[in-house]
Protein backbone atom coordinates (compact mmCIF):
# COMPACT_ATOMS: atom_id res chain seq x y z
CA MET A 1 -165.82 123.63 -12.83
CA GLU A 2 -163.42 121.58 -14.68
CA ASN A 3 -164.39 117.73 -14.72
CA ARG A 4 -161.08 115.70 -13.55
CA PHE A 5 -162.00 113.30 -14.65
CA ALA A 6 -161.75 114.04 -17.92
CA ARG A 7 -158.43 113.34 -17.63
CA MET A 8 -157.56 110.90 -15.82
CA ASP A 9 -155.49 108.33 -16.77
CA PHE A 10 -157.47 104.78 -16.63
CA THR A 11 -154.29 102.79 -16.87
CA LYS A 12 -152.97 104.10 -13.12
CA ASN A 13 -154.86 103.42 -9.66
CA TYR A 14 -155.87 106.63 -8.09
CA SER A 15 -156.93 107.28 -4.03
CA ASP A 16 -159.78 108.56 -3.26
CA LYS A 17 -158.22 111.78 -1.29
CA GLY A 18 -156.63 114.11 -3.79
CA MET A 19 -156.21 112.31 -6.62
CA LYS A 20 -152.94 110.83 -5.89
CA LYS A 21 -151.22 108.27 -8.01
CA GLU A 22 -150.86 105.10 -5.42
CA LYS A 23 -147.79 102.96 -6.39
CA LYS A 24 -148.97 99.84 -8.11
CA SER A 25 -148.43 96.06 -6.49
CA PRO A 26 -147.14 93.21 -8.53
CA GLY A 27 -150.50 91.76 -8.05
CA LYS A 28 -152.51 94.56 -9.99
CA ARG A 29 -150.83 93.35 -13.40
CA ARG A 30 -154.03 93.52 -15.20
CA CYS A 31 -154.54 97.03 -14.55
CA ALA A 32 -151.48 97.62 -16.47
CA LEU A 33 -153.13 96.10 -19.62
CA MET A 34 -155.92 98.37 -19.39
CA THR A 35 -156.07 101.39 -22.21
CA GLN A 36 -157.52 104.87 -22.07
CA ALA A 37 -160.29 103.03 -24.64
CA GLY A 38 -161.49 100.28 -22.27
CA PHE A 39 -159.78 96.53 -21.09
CA LYS A 40 -157.14 95.17 -23.74
CA LYS A 41 -157.86 91.59 -24.60
CA ILE A 42 -155.84 89.71 -22.87
CA THR A 43 -153.91 87.49 -25.58
CA ARG A 44 -151.49 84.26 -25.58
CA ARG A 45 -149.10 86.35 -26.05
CA ASP A 46 -149.39 88.50 -22.76
CA VAL A 47 -149.53 85.31 -21.50
CA ALA A 48 -146.05 84.10 -22.88
CA ARG A 49 -144.57 87.26 -22.36
CA GLU A 50 -145.73 87.29 -18.38
CA ALA A 51 -144.59 83.56 -17.91
CA GLY A 52 -140.89 83.73 -19.63
CA VAL A 53 -142.17 80.90 -22.31
CA THR A 54 -142.94 81.29 -26.00
CA GLU A 55 -146.34 81.96 -27.39
CA THR A 56 -146.12 77.85 -28.73
CA ILE A 57 -145.40 76.74 -24.93
CA VAL A 58 -148.61 78.17 -23.96
CA SER A 59 -150.96 76.66 -27.12
CA TYR A 60 -149.14 73.08 -25.64
CA VAL A 61 -150.26 73.90 -21.75
CA LEU A 62 -154.29 75.12 -22.94
CA ASN A 63 -154.65 72.42 -25.59
CA ASN A 64 -152.73 69.90 -23.45
CA ASN A 65 -151.75 68.25 -26.52
CA ARG A 66 -148.17 67.93 -25.96
CA TYR A 67 -145.03 67.27 -23.43
CA VAL A 68 -144.65 70.18 -21.42
CA ASN A 69 -142.03 70.22 -18.64
CA ALA A 70 -143.78 70.52 -14.80
CA ASP A 71 -141.74 74.24 -14.39
CA LYS A 72 -142.95 75.40 -17.46
CA ARG A 73 -146.46 74.59 -16.95
CA LYS A 74 -146.76 75.89 -13.86
CA ARG A 75 -145.82 79.21 -15.22
CA VAL A 76 -148.24 79.22 -17.60
CA LEU A 77 -151.14 78.24 -15.67
CA ALA A 78 -150.25 80.79 -12.78
CA ALA A 79 -149.92 83.48 -15.87
CA VAL A 80 -153.38 82.66 -17.07
CA GLU A 81 -154.88 83.12 -13.37
CA LYS A 82 -153.14 85.97 -12.38
CA LEU A 83 -153.88 87.59 -16.05
CA GLY A 84 -157.05 86.40 -16.20
CA TYR A 85 -156.52 85.36 -19.71
CA LYS A 86 -159.91 83.74 -21.54
CA PRO A 87 -159.26 81.30 -24.93
CA ASN A 88 -161.20 81.90 -27.42
CA THR A 89 -164.71 80.53 -27.14
CA ALA A 90 -165.44 80.04 -30.29
CA ALA A 91 -162.49 78.89 -31.64
CA ARG A 92 -162.51 76.65 -28.49
CA ALA A 93 -166.42 75.34 -29.70
CA LEU A 94 -164.98 73.42 -32.71
CA LYS A 95 -162.63 71.49 -30.68
CA GLY A 96 -163.81 67.57 -31.24
CA LYS A 97 -166.03 68.68 -33.98
CA SER A 98 -165.57 67.85 -38.02
CA LEU A 99 -164.19 70.66 -39.73
CA ASN A 100 -164.24 68.69 -43.26
CA HIS A 101 -161.58 69.83 -44.79
CA ILE A 102 -158.35 68.06 -45.54
CA VAL A 103 -155.00 69.76 -46.23
CA PHE A 104 -152.59 67.94 -48.55
CA ILE A 105 -148.88 68.79 -48.03
CA ALA A 106 -146.16 69.08 -51.04
CA ASP A 107 -142.97 69.86 -52.32
CA GLN A 108 -143.53 71.67 -55.84
CA ILE A 109 -147.91 72.89 -56.37
CA VAL A 110 -146.69 74.60 -59.07
CA THR A 111 -146.24 71.65 -60.89
CA GLU A 112 -149.16 70.36 -63.42
CA HIS A 113 -148.45 66.95 -62.00
CA PHE A 114 -149.82 68.01 -58.81
CA SER A 115 -152.60 70.60 -60.54
CA LEU A 116 -153.70 67.50 -62.04
CA LEU A 117 -153.83 65.56 -58.75
CA LEU A 118 -154.98 68.12 -56.81
CA SER A 119 -158.15 69.07 -59.68
CA GLU A 120 -158.98 64.89 -58.50
CA MET A 121 -159.16 64.83 -55.37
CA ASP A 122 -161.26 67.76 -54.70
CA LYS A 123 -164.14 66.10 -56.92
CA ARG A 124 -163.92 63.05 -55.02
CA ALA A 125 -163.68 65.19 -51.53
CA TYR A 126 -166.38 67.53 -52.53
CA ASP A 127 -168.66 64.47 -53.38
CA LEU A 128 -167.58 63.42 -50.01
CA GLY A 129 -168.71 66.77 -48.48
CA TYR A 130 -165.39 67.93 -47.75
CA MET A 131 -163.36 70.59 -48.80
CA ILE A 132 -159.31 70.52 -49.80
CA SER A 133 -156.49 72.73 -49.69
CA LEU A 134 -153.13 72.39 -50.96
CA CYS A 135 -149.65 73.56 -49.09
CA GLN A 136 -146.64 73.67 -49.38
CA ASN A 137 -144.62 71.96 -47.58
CA ARG A 138 -142.25 73.87 -45.24
CA ASN A 139 -140.57 71.13 -43.46
CA THR A 140 -140.41 73.31 -39.47
CA GLU A 141 -142.10 72.35 -36.20
CA ASP A 142 -144.00 76.03 -36.73
CA PHE A 143 -145.44 74.43 -39.62
CA VAL A 144 -146.40 70.72 -38.33
CA ASN A 145 -147.72 72.85 -35.09
CA SER A 146 -150.16 75.60 -37.64
CA ILE A 147 -151.62 71.95 -39.02
CA ILE A 148 -152.46 70.42 -36.03
CA SER A 149 -153.85 74.15 -34.41
CA ARG A 150 -155.82 73.49 -37.31
CA GLN A 151 -157.41 70.54 -36.15
CA PHE A 152 -157.67 69.75 -39.69
CA ASP A 153 -159.59 66.52 -40.21
CA GLY A 154 -157.06 64.56 -42.66
CA VAL A 155 -153.43 64.97 -43.72
CA ILE A 156 -152.19 63.94 -47.49
CA ILE A 157 -148.33 64.26 -47.82
CA SER A 158 -146.90 63.55 -51.16
CA SER A 159 -143.43 64.94 -50.39
CA ILE A 160 -139.47 63.64 -50.08
CA SER A 161 -138.22 65.59 -47.81
CA PHE A 162 -141.09 66.13 -45.08
CA SER A 163 -139.67 64.47 -42.31
CA LYS A 164 -140.52 61.27 -41.15
CA GLY A 165 -140.72 62.94 -37.76
CA TYR A 166 -143.34 65.34 -38.56
CA ILE A 167 -145.35 62.81 -39.69
CA ARG A 168 -145.29 61.16 -36.79
CA GLN A 169 -146.34 64.30 -35.01
CA LEU A 170 -149.32 64.37 -37.23
CA ILE A 171 -149.90 61.61 -36.32
CA LYS A 172 -150.20 61.24 -32.60
CA ALA A 173 -151.64 64.43 -32.39
CA GLY A 174 -154.54 62.26 -34.26
CA ILE A 175 -154.86 63.36 -36.89
CA PRO A 176 -155.61 60.92 -39.91
CA VAL A 177 -152.27 60.88 -42.42
CA VAL A 178 -152.20 59.16 -46.13
CA LEU A 179 -148.82 59.00 -47.36
CA ILE A 180 -147.85 58.66 -51.29
CA GLU A 181 -145.61 56.10 -51.84
CA ASN A 182 -142.57 58.64 -53.39
CA ARG A 183 -140.39 57.23 -50.88
CA ASP A 184 -139.79 54.25 -48.44
CA TYR A 185 -142.58 54.51 -45.71
CA SER A 186 -142.07 51.20 -44.45
CA ASP A 187 -141.25 52.48 -40.74
CA VAL A 188 -144.32 54.59 -40.58
CA GLU A 189 -147.15 53.22 -38.79
CA ASN A 190 -150.49 53.97 -38.24
CA ALA A 191 -150.65 55.90 -41.49
CA GLY A 192 -152.95 54.99 -44.60
CA LYS A 193 -150.12 54.65 -47.63
CA ILE A 194 -150.83 54.45 -51.30
CA ASN A 195 -148.37 52.76 -53.92
CA ASN A 196 -148.20 55.35 -56.77
CA GLY A 197 -146.35 53.05 -58.90
CA LEU A 198 -143.18 55.45 -58.66
CA TYR A 199 -140.98 52.25 -58.34
CA GLU A 200 -142.39 49.24 -60.82
CA GLY A 201 -142.83 52.63 -63.52
CA ALA A 202 -139.16 53.09 -63.13
CA ARG A 203 -137.78 49.60 -63.22
CA GLU A 204 -140.85 49.42 -66.68
CA VAL A 205 -138.66 52.64 -68.59
CA VAL A 206 -134.96 50.72 -67.93
CA LYS A 207 -136.13 47.19 -68.82
CA TYR A 208 -137.74 49.07 -71.58
CA LEU A 209 -134.73 50.83 -73.09
CA ALA A 210 -132.78 47.83 -72.57
CA SER A 211 -134.98 45.75 -74.78
CA ILE A 212 -134.17 47.69 -77.67
CA GLY A 213 -130.38 48.04 -77.03
CA ARG A 214 -129.95 51.24 -74.92
CA LYS A 215 -127.19 50.75 -72.64
CA GLU A 216 -126.16 54.28 -71.53
CA ILE A 217 -128.99 55.35 -69.79
CA VAL A 218 -128.51 57.92 -67.14
CA TYR A 219 -131.38 59.36 -64.01
CA ILE A 220 -131.98 62.96 -63.89
CA ASP A 221 -132.87 63.78 -60.25
CA ARG A 222 -134.96 66.32 -59.22
CA PHE A 223 -133.90 70.24 -58.88
CA SER A 224 -134.03 71.29 -55.07
CA GLN A 225 -132.99 74.62 -53.34
CA ASN A 226 -132.78 72.66 -50.41
CA GLY A 227 -129.96 69.50 -50.76
CA HIS A 228 -132.90 67.35 -51.20
CA PHE A 229 -131.93 64.70 -53.65
CA SER A 230 -132.69 61.34 -54.38
CA ASP A 231 -131.04 58.93 -52.37
CA MET A 232 -132.62 54.49 -52.27
CA SER A 233 -135.22 55.49 -49.66
CA ASP A 234 -136.77 57.14 -53.84
CA MET A 235 -138.84 54.96 -54.99
CA ARG A 236 -138.29 55.95 -58.25
CA TYR A 237 -134.40 56.25 -57.92
CA ARG A 238 -134.49 52.42 -56.11
CA GLY A 239 -136.62 51.50 -59.27
CA TYR A 240 -134.21 52.56 -61.42
CA VAL A 241 -130.75 50.84 -59.69
CA HIS A 242 -132.13 47.84 -59.21
CA GLU A 243 -133.15 47.41 -63.08
CA MET A 244 -129.60 48.77 -64.03
CA THR A 245 -128.45 45.97 -61.89
CA ALA A 246 -130.89 43.48 -62.76
CA GLU A 247 -129.71 44.05 -66.62
CA GLY A 248 -126.18 44.47 -66.25
CA LEU A 249 -126.00 47.39 -67.46
CA ALA A 250 -124.03 48.88 -65.18
CA GLU A 251 -122.10 47.81 -61.87
CA ALA A 252 -122.33 51.15 -60.50
CA PRO A 253 -125.96 52.46 -61.33
CA GLU A 254 -125.50 55.58 -58.85
CA LYS A 255 -122.59 57.19 -61.35
CA ARG A 256 -124.79 57.18 -63.78
CA VAL A 257 -126.87 60.15 -62.18
CA ILE A 258 -127.13 63.56 -62.89
CA SER A 259 -127.59 65.49 -59.69
CA GLY A 260 -127.20 68.53 -57.07
CA CYS A 261 -129.71 70.79 -59.43
CA GLY A 262 -131.19 73.71 -57.14
CA SER A 263 -133.25 75.20 -59.90
CA PRO A 264 -134.67 74.17 -62.98
CA ASP A 265 -133.13 76.78 -64.80
CA LEU A 266 -129.84 74.93 -64.57
């Protein structure tokens, strides 16, 4: 006798009598998330689809680390209950525990300068039992959320373009942040700051050139594919402008700036 159960599709519901298909009720959404191989693991994507929100909003609600309006929060929690979503217990076990991992965010990660800087930081960090990773700045909301969700023990930032708003988000999330002062961070609170001497160095360069009789001194700006060029918040540029003015070499030092290059090849 043919085994009628061998041909059954277990994604559907059947009555005991006649093995006829029953109409699936809205309350049986979980049955649709089964496969012939067995149960499908419910993911945050499934919860987001059910609640009509993004996966990021689901993460905010489940981690309770960002503001979400009451309606969206209610829909996410209802979807979690309805689908029987269970967060990854291994990942949740890490919550509150140190990973001994620091991320270093920089604008350009292929230059010799950052390679040397990372090498020195890595030596110091390793001696203290930490690992350090270099990451290129992407300056987006998703990038910041990714940093927060990975629960790094600290973030070091050396960037001209990384938004101060994003820096404040990292600080608000409870992640220790250290800023290498390539630009003016006087309006950013609750972060460590390292003066790397760019302002003083730029002034010293201009002062030296003036002392040997050089008067036509230009400032060659960085290249940027995204239009992040120097202004007075940039410590190196500020030092150049201030010393040019102090030496009386130019009434408008900003007119002696070569800027606007989008590639090092130009």
